Amino acid sequence: MIHQVISVPPVKNYLNTCSEDGIIWYFESCEMNTTDIYRTLWQMKMNHWFEDCQGFIFGRSKGLSPIENFTLEDALRSGLEDLNVPVVYDVDLGHLPPQLTFINGAYAACSVKEGKGIIKQKLI
């Protein structure tokens, strides 16, 4: 007897653990430029990492230099606009002080108003 093995891809397995609440993705980059950021976001989106995404947070970095006239804002808009979720950037996480710590897998809520934001994380 022949059995077909159908496996769930690792990306889908990961997303299934968060599908009820969705995911707020956070990123920081030490040395990527704006086109690197765009290509990374595009590749992740094409591989379905952003299903059930509730928003994005990007930390500050010295490495986010524009390539010609392609800025970070251009990279984020081009890579994420069609997802129709909030995108927050220039957040105090990453390689520049005060380098706040985010906890992978924590439950979080994020709010932004007039250029200031609050992120609350909790573990259960």
PDB file of N, CA and C in Angstrom:
ATOM      1  N   MET A   1       0.841  -1.165   0.000  1.00  0.00           N
ATOM      2  CA  MET A   1       0.000   0.000   0.000  1.00  0.00           C
ATOM      3  C   MET A   1       0.896   1.242   0.000  1.00  0.00           C
ATOM      4  N   ILE A   2       0.553   2.217  -0.823  1.00  0.00           N
ATOM      5  CA  ILE A   2       1.314   3.463  -0.922  1.00  0.00           C
ATOM      6  C   ILE A   2       0.552   4.551  -0.179  1.00  0.00           C
ATOM      7  N   HIS A   3       1.286   5.266   0.668  1.00  0.00           N
ATOM      8  CA  HIS A   3       0.698   6.389   1.414  1.00  0.00           C
ATOM      9  C   HIS A   3       1.375   7.674   0.995  1.00  0.00           C
ATOM     10  N   GLN A   4       0.571   8.653   0.734  1.00  0.00           N
ATOM     11  CA  GLN A   4       1.137   9.957   0.415  1.00  0.00           C
ATOM     12  C   GLN A   4       1.308  10.732   1.719  1.00  0.00           C
ATOM     13  N   VAL A   5       2.504  11.246   1.932  1.00  0.00           N
ATOM     14  CA  VAL A   5       2.772  12.045   3.120  1.00  0.00           C
ATOM     15  C   VAL A   5       2.593  13.509   2.744  1.00  0.00           C
ATOM     16  N   ILE A   6       1.687  14.151   3.426  1.00  0.00           N
ATOM     17  CA  ILE A   6       1.455  15.574   3.195  1.00  0.00           C
ATOM     18  C   ILE A   6       1.941  16.303   4.437  1.00  0.00           C
ATOM     19  N   SER A   7       2.978  17.069   4.258  1.00  0.00           N
ATOM     20  CA  SER A   7       3.519  17.795   5.406  1.00  0.00           C
ATOM     21  C   SER A   7       3.160  19.268   5.300  1.00  0.00           C
ATOM     22  N   VAL A   8       3.002  19.879   6.439  1.00  0.00           N
ATOM     23  CA  VAL A   8       2.708  21.306   6.498  1.00  0.00           C
ATOM     24  C   VAL A   8       4.046  22.036   6.501  1.00  0.00           C
ATOM     25  N   PRO A   9       4.219  23.005   5.622  1.00  0.00           N
ATOM     26  CA  PRO A   9       5.488  23.739   5.592  1.00  0.00           C
ATOM     27  C   PRO A   9       5.773  24.411   6.939  1.00  0.00           C
ATOM     28  N   PRO A  10       7.057  24.558   7.302  1.00  0.00           N
ATOM     29  CA  PRO A  10       7.412  25.174   8.590  1.00  0.00           C
ATOM     30  C   PRO A  10       6.808  26.561   8.786  1.00  0.00           C
ATOM     31  N   VAL A  11       6.714  27.351   7.721  1.00  0.00           N
ATOM     32  CA  VAL A  11       6.126  28.686   7.844  1.00  0.00           C
ATOM     33  C   VAL A  11       4.684  28.571   8.309  1.00  0.00           C
ATOM     34  N   LYS A  12       3.938  27.690   7.681  1.00  0.00           N
ATOM     35  CA  LYS A  12       2.522  27.520   8.043  1.00  0.00           C
ATOM     36  C   LYS A  12       2.381  27.008   9.468  1.00  0.00           C
ATOM     37  N   ASN A  13       3.249  26.082   9.867  1.00  0.00           N
ATOM     38  CA  ASN A  13       3.216  25.604  11.256  1.00  0.00           C
ATOM     39  C   ASN A  13       3.395  26.748  12.236  1.00  0.00           C
ATOM     40  N   TYR A  14       4.365  27.608  11.964  1.00  0.00           N
ATOM     41  CA  TYR A  14       4.603  28.748  12.845  1.00  0.00           C
ATOM     42  C   TYR A  14       3.397  29.685  12.871  1.00  0.00           C
ATOM     43  N   LEU A  15       2.881  30.013  11.711  1.00  0.00           N
ATOM     44  CA  LEU A  15       1.750  30.937  11.642  1.00  0.00           C
ATOM     45  C   LEU A  15       0.510  30.365  12.321  1.00  0.00           C
ATOM     46  N   ASN A  16       0.338  29.049  12.249  1.00  0.00           N
ATOM     47  CA  ASN A  16      -0.817  28.427  12.904  1.00  0.00           C
ATOM     48  C   ASN A  16      -0.804  28.636  14.410  1.00  0.00           C
ATOM     49  N   THR A  17       0.365  28.776  15.003  1.00  0.00           N
ATOM     50  CA  THR A  17       0.430  28.987  16.456  1.00  0.00           C
ATOM     51  C   THR A  17      -0.075  30.366  16.849  1.00  0.00           C
ATOM     52  N   CYS A  18      -0.135  31.284  15.886  1.00  0.00           N
ATOM     53  CA  CYS A  18      -0.531  32.659  16.184  1.00  0.00           C
ATOM     54  C   CYS A  18      -1.773  33.104  15.419  1.00  0.00           C
ATOM     55  N   SER A  19      -2.407  32.213  14.699  1.00  0.00           N
ATOM     56  CA  SER A  19      -3.465  32.625  13.782  1.00  0.00           C
ATOM     57  C   SER A  19      -4.678  33.232  14.477  1.00  0.00           C
ATOM     58  N   GLU A  20      -4.934  32.836  15.702  1.00  0.00           N
ATOM     59  CA  GLU A  20      -6.105  33.388  16.395  1.00  0.00           C
ATOM     60  C   GLU A  20      -5.941  34.877  16.683  1.00  0.00           C
ATOM     61  N   ASP A  21      -4.761  35.288  17.114  1.00  0.00           N
ATOM     62  CA  ASP A  21      -4.515  36.686  17.476  1.00  0.00           C
ATOM     63  C   ASP A  21      -3.787  37.471  16.394  1.00  0.00           C
ATOM     64  N   GLY A  22      -3.106  36.795  15.491  1.00  0.00           N
ATOM     65  CA  GLY A  22      -2.297  37.471  14.489  1.00  0.00           C
ATOM     66  C   GLY A  22      -0.922  37.802  15.039  1.00  0.00           C
ATOM     67  N   ILE A  23      -0.094  38.353  14.190  1.00  0.00           N
ATOM     68  CA  ILE A  23       1.293  38.639  14.543  1.00  0.00           C
ATOM     69  C   ILE A  23       1.588  40.108  14.299  1.00  0.00           C
ATOM     70  N   ILE A  24       2.313  40.716  15.231  1.00  0.00           N
ATOM     71  CA  ILE A  24       2.939  42.012  15.000  1.00  0.00           C
ATOM     72  C   ILE A  24       4.409  41.697  14.768  1.00  0.00           C
ATOM     73  N   TRP A  25       4.877  41.909  13.558  1.00  0.00           N
ATOM     74  CA  TRP A  25       6.270  41.627  13.231  1.00  0.00           C
ATOM     75  C   TRP A  25       7.134  42.796  13.651  1.00  0.00           C
ATOM     76  N   TYR A  26       8.294  42.509  14.236  1.00  0.00           N
ATOM     77  CA  TYR A  26       9.250  43.583  14.487  1.00  0.00           C
ATOM     78  C   TYR A  26      10.589  43.227  13.878  1.00  0.00           C
ATOM     79  N   PHE A  27      11.226  44.249  13.332  1.00  0.00           N
ATOM     80  CA  PHE A  27      12.483  44.080  12.621  1.00  0.00           C
ATOM     81  C   PHE A  27      13.472  45.145  13.068  1.00  0.00           C
ATOM     82  N   GLU A  28      14.725  44.778  13.033  1.00  0.00           N
ATOM     83  CA  GLU A  28      15.797  45.757  13.163  1.00  0.00           C
ATOM     84  C   GLU A  28      16.918  45.292  12.265  1.00  0.00           C
ATOM     85  N   SER A  29      17.701  46.232  11.830  1.00  0.00           N
ATOM     86  CA  SER A  29      18.762  45.904  10.891  1.00  0.00           C
ATOM     87  C   SER A  29      20.032  46.621  11.299  1.00  0.00           C
ATOM     88  N   CYS A  30      21.100  45.909  11.304  1.00  0.00           N
ATOM     89  CA  CYS A  30      22.380  46.529  11.636  1.00  0.00           C
ATOM     90  C   CYS A  30      23.004  47.190  10.415  1.00  0.00           C
ATOM     91  N   GLU A  31      22.986  46.502   9.292  1.00  0.00           N
ATOM     92  CA  GLU A  31      23.736  47.012   8.147  1.00  0.00           C
ATOM     93  C   GLU A  31      22.995  46.924   6.818  1.00  0.00           C
ATOM     94  N   MET A  32      21.714  46.615   6.819  1.00  0.00           N
ATOM     95  CA  MET A  32      20.999  46.519   5.554  1.00  0.00           C
ATOM     96  C   MET A  32      20.687  47.916   5.020  1.00  0.00           C
ATOM     97  N   ASN A  33      20.736  48.067   3.709  1.00  0.00           N
ATOM     98  CA  ASN A  33      20.305  49.327   3.113  1.00  0.00           C
ATOM     99  C   ASN A  33      18.839  49.197   2.717  1.00  0.00           C
ATOM    100  N   THR A  34      18.302  50.220   2.107  1.00  0.00           N
ATOM    101  CA  THR A  34      16.865  50.222   1.834  1.00  0.00           C
ATOM    102  C   THR A  34      16.444  49.172   0.809  1.00  0.00           C
ATOM    103  N   THR A  35      17.276  48.912  -0.189  1.00  0.00           N
ATOM    104  CA  THR A  35      16.902  47.879  -1.153  1.00  0.00           C
ATOM    105  C   THR A  35      16.994  46.488  -0.536  1.00  0.00           C
ATOM    106  N   ASP A  36      17.937  46.278   0.394  1.00  0.00           N
ATOM    107  CA  ASP A  36      18.005  45.010   1.125  1.00  0.00           C
ATOM    108  C   ASP A  36      16.726  44.795   1.928  1.00  0.00           C
ATOM    109  N   ILE A  37      16.264  45.853   2.586  1.00  0.00           N
ATOM    110  CA  ILE A  37      15.023  45.773   3.373  1.00  0.00           C
ATOM    111  C   ILE A  37      13.861  45.399   2.460  1.00  0.00           C
ATOM    112  N   TYR A  38      13.735  46.093   1.335  1.00  0.00           N
ATOM    113  CA  TYR A  38      12.641  45.805   0.407  1.00  0.00           C
ATOM    114  C   TYR A  38      12.690  44.358  -0.069  1.00  0.00           C
ATOM    115  N   ARG A  39      13.860  43.887  -0.496  1.00  0.00           N
ATOM    116  CA  ARG A  39      13.982  42.516  -1.007  1.00  0.00           C
ATOM    117  C   ARG A  39      13.638  41.491   0.081  1.00  0.00           C
ATOM    118  N   THR A  40      14.060  41.756   1.304  1.00  0.00           N
ATOM    119  CA  THR A  40      13.754  40.842   2.411  1.00  0.00           C
ATOM    120  C   THR A  40      12.255  40.791   2.661  1.00  0.00           C
ATOM    121  N   LEU A  41      11.608  41.944   2.712  1.00  0.00           N
ATOM    122  CA  LEU A  41      10.156  41.987   2.927  1.00  0.00           C
ATOM    123  C   LEU A  41       9.415  41.299   1.785  1.00  0.00           C
ATOM    124  N   TRP A  42       9.837  41.563   0.559  1.00  0.00           N
ATOM    125  CA  TRP A  42       9.188  40.949  -0.592  1.00  0.00           C
ATOM    126  C   TRP A  42       9.306  39.429  -0.525  1.00  0.00           C
ATOM    127  N   GLN A  43      10.512  38.923  -0.229  1.00  0.00           N
ATOM    128  CA  GLN A  43      10.715  37.483  -0.168  1.00  0.00           C
ATOM    129  C   GLN A  43       9.872  36.854   0.942  1.00  0.00           C
ATOM    130  N   MET A  44       9.837  37.486   2.110  1.00  0.00           N
ATOM    131  CA  MET A  44       9.024  36.952   3.203  1.00  0.00           C
ATOM    132  C   MET A  44       7.542  36.960   2.835  1.00  0.00           C
ATOM    133  N   LYS A  45       7.101  38.033   2.175  1.00  0.00           N
ATOM    134  CA  LYS A  45       5.693  38.111   1.771  1.00  0.00           C
ATOM    135  C   LYS A  45       5.354  37.030   0.748  1.00  0.00           C
ATOM    136  N   MET A  46       6.228  36.805  -0.218  1.00  0.00           N
ATOM    137  CA  MET A  46       5.994  35.782  -1.233  1.00  0.00           C
ATOM    138  C   MET A  46       6.003  34.375  -0.637  1.00  0.00           C
ATOM    139  N   ASN A  47       6.653  34.198   0.482  1.00  0.00           N
ATOM    140  CA  ASN A  47       6.682  32.901   1.160  1.00  0.00           C
ATOM    141  C   ASN A  47       5.631  32.809   2.265  1.00  0.00           C
ATOM    142  N   HIS A  48       4.671  33.722   2.236  1.00  0.00           N
ATOM    143  CA  HIS A  48       3.479  33.693   3.089  1.00  0.00           C
ATOM    144  C   HIS A  48       3.749  33.949   4.576  1.00  0.00           C
ATOM    145  N   TRP A  49       4.879  34.555   4.920  1.00  0.00           N
ATOM    146  CA  TRP A  49       5.156  34.836   6.331  1.00  0.00           C
ATOM    147  C   TRP A  49       4.186  35.856   6.915  1.00  0.00           C
ATOM    148  N   PHE A  50       3.604  36.698   6.104  1.00  0.00           N
ATOM    149  CA  PHE A  50       2.804  37.800   6.625  1.00  0.00           C
ATOM    150  C   PHE A  50       1.300  37.516   6.661  1.00  0.00           C
ATOM    151  N   GLU A  51       0.905  36.259   6.493  1.00  0.00           N
ATOM    152  CA  GLU A  51      -0.506  35.914   6.657  1.00  0.00           C
ATOM    153  C   GLU A  51      -0.893  36.148   8.114  1.00  0.00           C
ATOM    154  N   ASP A  52      -2.073  36.640   8.354  1.00  0.00           N
ATOM    155  CA  ASP A  52      -2.578  36.962   9.698  1.00  0.00           C
ATOM    156  C   ASP A  52      -1.761  38.045  10.393  1.00  0.00           C
ATOM    157  N   CYS A  53      -1.020  38.825   9.627  1.00  0.00           N
ATOM    158  CA  CYS A  53      -0.217  39.907  10.193  1.00  0.00           C
ATOM    159  C   CYS A  53      -1.132  41.045  10.646  1.00  0.00           C
ATOM    160  N   GLN A  54      -0.831  41.585  11.833  1.00  0.00           N
ATOM    161  CA  GLN A  54      -1.601  42.700  12.372  1.00  0.00           C
ATOM    162  C   GLN A  54      -0.850  44.023  12.283  1.00  0.00           C
ATOM    163  N   GLY A  55       0.451  43.976  11.967  1.00  0.00           N
ATOM    164  CA  GLY A  55       1.232  45.203  11.841  1.00  0.00           C
ATOM    165  C   GLY A  55       2.716  44.925  11.876  1.00  0.00           C
ATOM    166  N   PHE A  56       3.498  46.003  11.669  1.00  0.00           N
ATOM    167  CA  PHE A  56       4.956  45.913  11.624  1.00  0.00           C
ATOM    168  C   PHE A  56       5.574  47.024  12.454  1.00  0.00           C
ATOM    169  N   ILE A  57       6.692  46.699  13.088  1.00  0.00           N
ATOM    170  CA  ILE A  57       7.471  47.670  13.844  1.00  0.00           C
ATOM    171  C   ILE A  57       8.915  47.552  13.362  1.00  0.00           C
ATOM    172  N   PHE A  58       9.522  48.670  13.012  1.00  0.00           N
ATOM    173  CA  PHE A  58      10.903  48.695  12.542  1.00  0.00           C
ATOM    174  C   PHE A  58      11.746  49.571  13.454  1.00  0.00           C
ATOM    175  N   GLY A  59      12.859  49.027  13.906  1.00  0.00           N
ATOM    176  CA  GLY A  59      13.762  49.765  14.768  1.00  0.00           C
ATOM    177  C   GLY A  59      14.666  50.712  13.993  1.00  0.00           C
ATOM    178  N   ARG A  60      15.308  51.604  14.747  1.00  0.00           N
ATOM    179  CA  ARG A  60      16.253  52.550  14.147  1.00  0.00           C
ATOM    180  C   ARG A  60      17.593  51.870  13.911  1.00  0.00           C
ATOM    181  N   SER A  61      18.284  52.317  12.873  1.00  0.00           N
ATOM    182  CA  SER A  61      19.583  51.753  12.555  1.00  0.00           C
ATOM    183  C   SER A  61      20.377  52.736  11.721  1.00  0.00           C
ATOM    184  N   LYS A  62      21.670  52.724  11.906  1.00  0.00           N
ATOM    185  CA  LYS A  62      22.538  53.557  11.069  1.00  0.00           C
ATOM    186  C   LYS A  62      22.636  53.006   9.659  1.00  0.00           C
ATOM    187  N   GLY A  63      22.383  51.727   9.492  1.00  0.00           N
ATOM    188  CA  GLY A  63      22.577  51.078   8.208  1.00  0.00           C
ATOM    189  C   GLY A  63      21.476  51.282   7.199  1.00  0.00           C
ATOM    190  N   LEU A  64      20.421  51.978   7.532  1.00  0.00           N
ATOM    191  CA  LEU A  64      19.297  52.126   6.603  1.00  0.00           C
ATOM    192  C   LEU A  64      19.516  53.283   5.639  1.00  0.00           C
ATOM    193  N   SER A  65      20.616  53.250   4.937  1.00  0.00           N
ATOM    194  CA  SER A  65      20.925  54.328   4.009  1.00  0.00           C
ATOM    195  C   SER A  65      20.138  54.159   2.712  1.00  0.00           C
ATOM    196  N   PRO A  66      19.643  55.277   2.175  1.00  0.00           N
ATOM    197  CA  PRO A  66      18.929  55.209   0.902  1.00  0.00           C
ATOM    198  C   PRO A  66      19.858  54.775  -0.234  1.00  0.00           C
ATOM    199  N   ILE A  67      19.308  54.111  -1.211  1.00  0.00           N
ATOM    200  CA  ILE A  67      20.028  53.766  -2.432  1.00  0.00           C
ATOM    201  C   ILE A  67      19.442  54.647  -3.526  1.00  0.00           C
ATOM    202  N   GLU A  68      20.274  55.529  -4.042  1.00  0.00           N
ATOM    203  CA  GLU A  68      19.848  56.585  -4.958  1.00  0.00           C
ATOM    204  C   GLU A  68      18.731  57.352  -4.261  1.00  0.00           C
ATOM    205  N   ASN A  69      17.527  57.374  -4.771  1.00  0.00           N
ATOM    206  CA  ASN A  69      16.439  58.092  -4.101  1.00  0.00           C
ATOM    207  C   ASN A  69      15.439  57.151  -3.442  1.00  0.00           C
ATOM    208  N   PHE A  70      15.796  55.883  -3.271  1.00  0.00           N
ATOM    209  CA  PHE A  70      14.907  54.880  -2.683  1.00  0.00           C
ATOM    210  C   PHE A  70      15.130  54.863  -1.171  1.00  0.00           C
ATOM    211  N   THR A  71      14.192  55.469  -0.424  1.00  0.00           N
ATOM    212  CA  THR A  71      14.321  55.644   1.020  1.00  0.00           C
ATOM    213  C   THR A  71      13.696  54.472   1.780  1.00  0.00           C
ATOM    214  N   LEU A  72      13.876  54.470   3.089  1.00  0.00           N
ATOM    215  CA  LEU A  72      13.221  53.459   3.922  1.00  0.00           C
ATOM    216  C   LEU A  72      11.716  53.520   3.756  1.00  0.00           C
ATOM    217  N   GLU A  73      11.160  54.716   3.741  1.00  0.00           N
ATOM    218  CA  GLU A  73       9.710  54.860   3.558  1.00  0.00           C
ATOM    219  C   GLU A  73       9.263  54.236   2.239  1.00  0.00           C
ATOM    220  N   ASP A  74      10.055  54.430   1.179  1.00  0.00           N
ATOM    221  CA  ASP A  74       9.748  53.814  -0.118  1.00  0.00           C
ATOM    222  C   ASP A  74       9.781  52.291  -0.015  1.00  0.00           C
ATOM    223  N   ALA A  75      10.796  51.759   0.669  1.00  0.00           N
ATOM    224  CA  ALA A  75      10.920  50.305   0.813  1.00  0.00           C
ATOM    225  C   ALA A  75       9.735  49.731   1.572  1.00  0.00           C
ATOM    226  N   LEU A  76       9.338  50.391   2.652  1.00  0.00           N
ATOM    227  CA  LEU A  76       8.214  49.902   3.453  1.00  0.00           C
ATOM    228  C   LEU A  76       6.907  50.009   2.676  1.00  0.00           C
ATOM    229  N   ARG A  77       6.710  51.117   2.007  1.00  0.00           N
ATOM    230  CA  ARG A  77       5.482  51.303   1.221  1.00  0.00           C
ATOM    231  C   ARG A  77       5.417  50.272   0.097  1.00  0.00           C
ATOM    232  N   SER A  78       6.507  50.118  -0.646  1.00  0.00           N
ATOM    233  CA  SER A  78       6.528  49.175  -1.769  1.00  0.00           C
ATOM    234  C   SER A  78       6.368  47.738  -1.317  1.00  0.00           C
ATOM    235  N   GLY A  79       6.950  47.392  -0.183  1.00  0.00           N
ATOM    236  CA  GLY A  79       6.923  46.013   0.282  1.00  0.00           C
ATOM    237  C   GLY A  79       5.692  45.627   1.070  1.00  0.00           C
ATOM    238  N   LEU A  80       5.035  46.611   1.714  1.00  0.00           N
ATOM    239  CA  LEU A  80       3.987  46.246   2.672  1.00  0.00           C
ATOM    240  C   LEU A  80       2.634  46.911   2.469  1.00  0.00           C
ATOM    241  N   GLU A  81       2.565  47.934   1.639  1.00  0.00           N
ATOM    242  CA  GLU A  81       1.336  48.710   1.512  1.00  0.00           C
ATOM    243  C   GLU A  81       0.107  47.858   1.180  1.00  0.00           C
ATOM    244  N   ASP A  82       0.277  46.867   0.332  1.00  0.00           N
ATOM    245  CA  ASP A  82      -0.864  46.053  -0.085  1.00  0.00           C
ATOM    246  C   ASP A  82      -1.428  45.182   1.036  1.00  0.00           C
ATOM    247  N   LEU A  83      -0.699  45.054   2.155  1.00  0.00           N
ATOM    248  CA  LEU A  83      -1.196  44.265   3.286  1.00  0.00           C
ATOM    249  C   LEU A  83      -2.217  45.044   4.121  1.00  0.00           C
ATOM    250  N   ASN A  84      -2.247  46.362   3.937  1.00  0.00           N
ATOM    251  CA  ASN A  84      -3.224  47.211   4.609  1.00  0.00           C
ATOM    252  C   ASN A  84      -3.215  47.040   6.141  1.00  0.00           C
ATOM    253  N   VAL A  85      -2.015  47.075   6.734  1.00  0.00           N
ATOM    254  CA  VAL A  85      -1.854  47.004   8.186  1.00  0.00           C
ATOM    255  C   VAL A  85      -0.937  48.144   8.620  1.00  0.00           C
ATOM    256  N   PRO A  86      -0.981  48.522   9.891  1.00  0.00           N
ATOM    257  CA  PRO A  86      -0.108  49.604  10.363  1.00  0.00           C
ATOM    258  C   PRO A  86       1.375  49.234  10.260  1.00  0.00           C
ATOM    259  N   VAL A  87       2.181  50.223   9.891  1.00  0.00           N
ATOM    260  CA  VAL A  87       3.636  50.073   9.833  1.00  0.00           C
ATOM    261  C   VAL A  87       4.235  51.230  10.625  1.00  0.00           C
ATOM    262  N   VAL A  88       4.981  50.896  11.664  1.00  0.00           N
ATOM    263  CA  VAL A  88       5.616  51.904  12.517  1.00  0.00           C
ATOM    264  C   VAL A  88       7.118  51.744  12.372  1.00  0.00           C
ATOM    265  N   TYR A  89       7.824  52.847  12.173  1.00  0.00           N
ATOM    266  CA  TYR A  89       9.277  52.752  12.030  1.00  0.00           C
ATOM    267  C   TYR A  89       9.954  53.821  12.882  1.00  0.00           C
ATOM    268  N   ASP A  90      11.271  53.709  12.999  1.00  0.00           N
ATOM    269  CA  ASP A  90      12.089  54.592  13.834  1.00  0.00           C
ATOM    270  C   ASP A  90      11.799  54.362  15.312  1.00  0.00           C
ATOM    271  N   VAL A  91      11.586  53.108  15.676  1.00  0.00           N
ATOM    272  CA  VAL A  91      11.276  52.708  17.053  1.00  0.00           C
ATOM    273  C   VAL A  91      12.582  52.465  17.808  1.00  0.00           C
ATOM    274  N   ASP A  92      12.578  52.696  19.117  1.00  0.00           N
ATOM    275  CA  ASP A  92      13.770  52.543  19.963  1.00  0.00           C
ATOM    276  C   ASP A  92      14.125  51.088  20.215  1.00  0.00           C
ATOM    277  N   LEU A  93      14.359  50.332  19.168  1.00  0.00           N
ATOM    278  CA  LEU A  93      14.867  48.975  19.306  1.00  0.00           C
ATOM    279  C   LEU A  93      15.941  48.793  18.259  1.00  0.00           C
ATOM    280  N   GLY A  94      16.854  47.922  18.528  1.00  0.00           N
ATOM    281  CA  GLY A  94      17.899  47.665  17.550  1.00  0.00           C
ATOM    282  C   GLY A  94      19.265  48.078  18.026  1.00  0.00           C
ATOM    283  N   HIS A  95      20.040  48.642  17.125  1.00  0.00           N
ATOM    284  CA  HIS A  95      21.444  48.915  17.398  1.00  0.00           C
ATOM    285  C   HIS A  95      21.723  50.323  17.915  1.00  0.00           C
ATOM    286  N   LEU A  96      20.709  51.156  18.068  1.00  0.00           N
ATOM    287  CA  LEU A  96      20.920  52.506  18.591  1.00  0.00           C
ATOM    288  C   LEU A  96      20.218  52.652  19.934  1.00  0.00           C
ATOM    289  N   PRO A  97      20.852  53.314  20.909  1.00  0.00           N
ATOM    290  CA  PRO A  97      20.229  53.494  22.227  1.00  0.00           C
ATOM    291  C   PRO A  97      18.885  54.193  22.099  1.00  0.00           C
ATOM    292  N   PRO A  98      17.932  53.865  22.960  1.00  0.00           N
ATOM    293  CA  PRO A  98      18.037  53.108  24.197  1.00  0.00           C
ATOM    294  C   PRO A  98      17.893  51.596  24.039  1.00  0.00           C
ATOM    295  N   GLN A  99      17.762  51.078  22.847  1.00  0.00           N
ATOM    296  CA  GLN A  99      17.775  49.641  22.560  1.00  0.00           C
ATOM    297  C   GLN A  99      16.822  48.842  23.452  1.00  0.00           C
ATOM    298  N   LEU A 100      15.552  49.135  23.357  1.00  0.00           N
ATOM    299  CA  LEU A 100      14.550  48.409  24.128  1.00  0.00           C
ATOM    300  C   LEU A 100      14.533  46.937  23.740  1.00  0.00           C
ATOM    301  N   THR A 101      14.184  46.105  24.686  1.00  0.00           N
ATOM    302  CA  THR A 101      14.128  44.664  24.454  1.00  0.00           C
ATOM    303  C   THR A 101      12.706  44.247  24.119  1.00  0.00           C
ATOM    304  N   PHE A 102      12.563  43.487  23.056  1.00  0.00           N
ATOM    305  CA  PHE A 102      11.288  42.887  22.696  1.00  0.00           C
ATOM    306  C   PHE A 102      11.416  41.391  22.951  1.00  0.00           C
ATOM    307  N   ILE A 103      10.340  40.775  23.375  1.00  0.00           N
ATOM    308  CA  ILE A 103      10.362  39.356  23.705  1.00  0.00           C
ATOM    309  C   ILE A 103       9.667  38.578  22.600  1.00  0.00           C
ATOM    310  N   ASN A 104      10.422  37.713  21.927  1.00  0.00           N
ATOM    311  CA  ASN A 104       9.838  36.875  20.883  1.00  0.00           C
ATOM    312  C   ASN A 104       8.733  36.008  21.478  1.00  0.00           C
ATOM    313  N   GLY A 105       7.581  36.004  20.830  1.00  0.00           N
ATOM    314  CA  GLY A 105       6.480  35.157  21.265  1.00  0.00           C
ATOM    315  C   GLY A 105       5.576  35.778  22.315  1.00  0.00           C
ATOM    316  N   ALA A 106       5.913  36.970  22.806  1.00  0.00           N
ATOM    317  CA  ALA A 106       5.053  37.612  23.810  1.00  0.00           C
ATOM    318  C   ALA A 106       3.791  38.148  23.132  1.00  0.00           C
ATOM    319  N   TYR A 107       2.734  38.263  23.908  1.00  0.00           N
ATOM    320  CA  TYR A 107       1.538  38.946  23.434  1.00  0.00           C
ATOM    321  C   TYR A 107       1.817  40.433  23.541  1.00  0.00           C
ATOM    322  N   ALA A 108       1.394  41.200  22.533  1.00  0.00           N
ATOM    323  CA  ALA A 108       1.721  42.622  22.521  1.00  0.00           C
ATOM    324  C   ALA A 108       0.582  43.437  21.942  1.00  0.00           C
ATOM    325  N   ALA A 109       0.552  44.681  22.370  1.00  0.00           N
ATOM    326  CA  ALA A 109      -0.351  45.672  21.797  1.00  0.00           C
ATOM    327  C   ALA A 109       0.484  46.913  21.538  1.00  0.00           C
ATOM    328  N   CYS A 110       0.221  47.554  20.430  1.00  0.00           N
ATOM    329  CA  CYS A 110       0.997  48.728  20.035  1.00  0.00           C
ATOM    330  C   CYS A 110       0.025  49.836  19.652  1.00  0.00           C
ATOM    331  N   SER A 111       0.290  51.036  20.146  1.00  0.00           N
ATOM    332  CA  SER A 111      -0.514  52.181  19.723  1.00  0.00           C
ATOM    333  C   SER A 111       0.415  53.351  19.433  1.00  0.00           C
ATOM    334  N   VAL A 112       0.058  54.131  18.422  1.00  0.00           N
ATOM    335  CA  VAL A 112       0.865  55.268  18.008  1.00  0.00           C
ATOM    336  C   VAL A 112      -0.062  56.444  17.774  1.00  0.00           C
ATOM    337  N   LYS A 113       0.363  57.604  18.292  1.00  0.00           N
ATOM    338  CA  LYS A 113      -0.421  58.815  18.083  1.00  0.00           C
ATOM    339  C   LYS A 113       0.527  60.002  18.096  1.00  0.00           C
ATOM    340  N   GLU A 114       0.438  60.826  17.064  1.00  0.00           N
ATOM    341  CA  GLU A 114       1.235  62.049  16.956  1.00  0.00           C
ATOM    342  C   GLU A 114       2.728  61.800  17.171  1.00  0.00           C
ATOM    343  N   GLY A 115       3.249  60.751  16.557  1.00  0.00           N
ATOM    344  CA  GLY A 115       4.672  60.488  16.603  1.00  0.00           C
ATOM    345  C   GLY A 115       5.179  59.829  17.870  1.00  0.00           C
ATOM    346  N   LYS A 116       4.293  59.453  18.778  1.00  0.00           N
ATOM    347  CA  LYS A 116       4.696  58.774  20.005  1.00  0.00           C
ATOM    348  C   LYS A 116       3.932  57.469  20.104  1.00  0.00           C
ATOM    349  N   GLY A 117       4.599  56.453  20.641  1.00  0.00           N
ATOM    350  CA  GLY A 117       3.961  55.153  20.686  1.00  0.00           C
ATOM    351  C   GLY A 117       4.128  54.461  22.023  1.00  0.00           C
ATOM    352  N   ILE A 118       3.281  53.488  22.231  1.00  0.00           N
ATOM    353  CA  ILE A 118       3.328  52.644  23.424  1.00  0.00           C
ATOM    354  C   ILE A 118       3.242  51.200  22.966  1.00  0.00           C
ATOM    355  N   ILE A 119       4.151  50.383  23.477  1.00  0.00           N
ATOM    356  CA  ILE A 119       4.120  48.957  23.210  1.00  0.00           C
ATOM    357  C   ILE A 119       4.034  48.239  24.546  1.00  0.00           C
ATOM    358  N   LYS A 120       3.038  47.412  24.705  1.00  0.00           N
ATOM    359  CA  LYS A 120       2.863  46.632  25.932  1.00  0.00           C
ATOM    360  C   LYS A 120       2.997  45.165  25.557  1.00  0.00           C
ATOM    361  N   GLN A 121       3.866  44.467  26.288  1.00  0.00           N
ATOM    362  CA  GLN A 121       4.063  43.040  26.066  1.00  0.00           C
ATOM    363  C   GLN A 121       3.706  42.282  27.331  1.00  0.00           C
ATOM    364  N   LYS A 122       3.183  41.074  27.152  1.00  0.00           N
ATOM    365  CA  LYS A 122       2.937  40.217  28.313  1.00  0.00           C
ATOM    366  C   LYS A 122       3.136  38.773  27.901  1.00  0.00           C
ATOM    367  N   LEU A 123       3.635  38.008  28.837  1.00  0.00           N
ATOM    368  CA  LEU A 123       3.808  36.579  28.642  1.00  0.00           C
ATOM    369  C   LEU A 123       2.721  35.857  29.413  1.00  0.00           C
ATOM    370  N   ILE A 124       2.212  34.778  28.829  1.00  0.00           N
ATOM    371  CA  ILE A 124       1.215  33.994  29.545  1.00  0.00           C
ATOM    372  C   ILE A 124       1.716  32.591  29.730  1.00  0.00           C
TER     373      ILE A 124
END
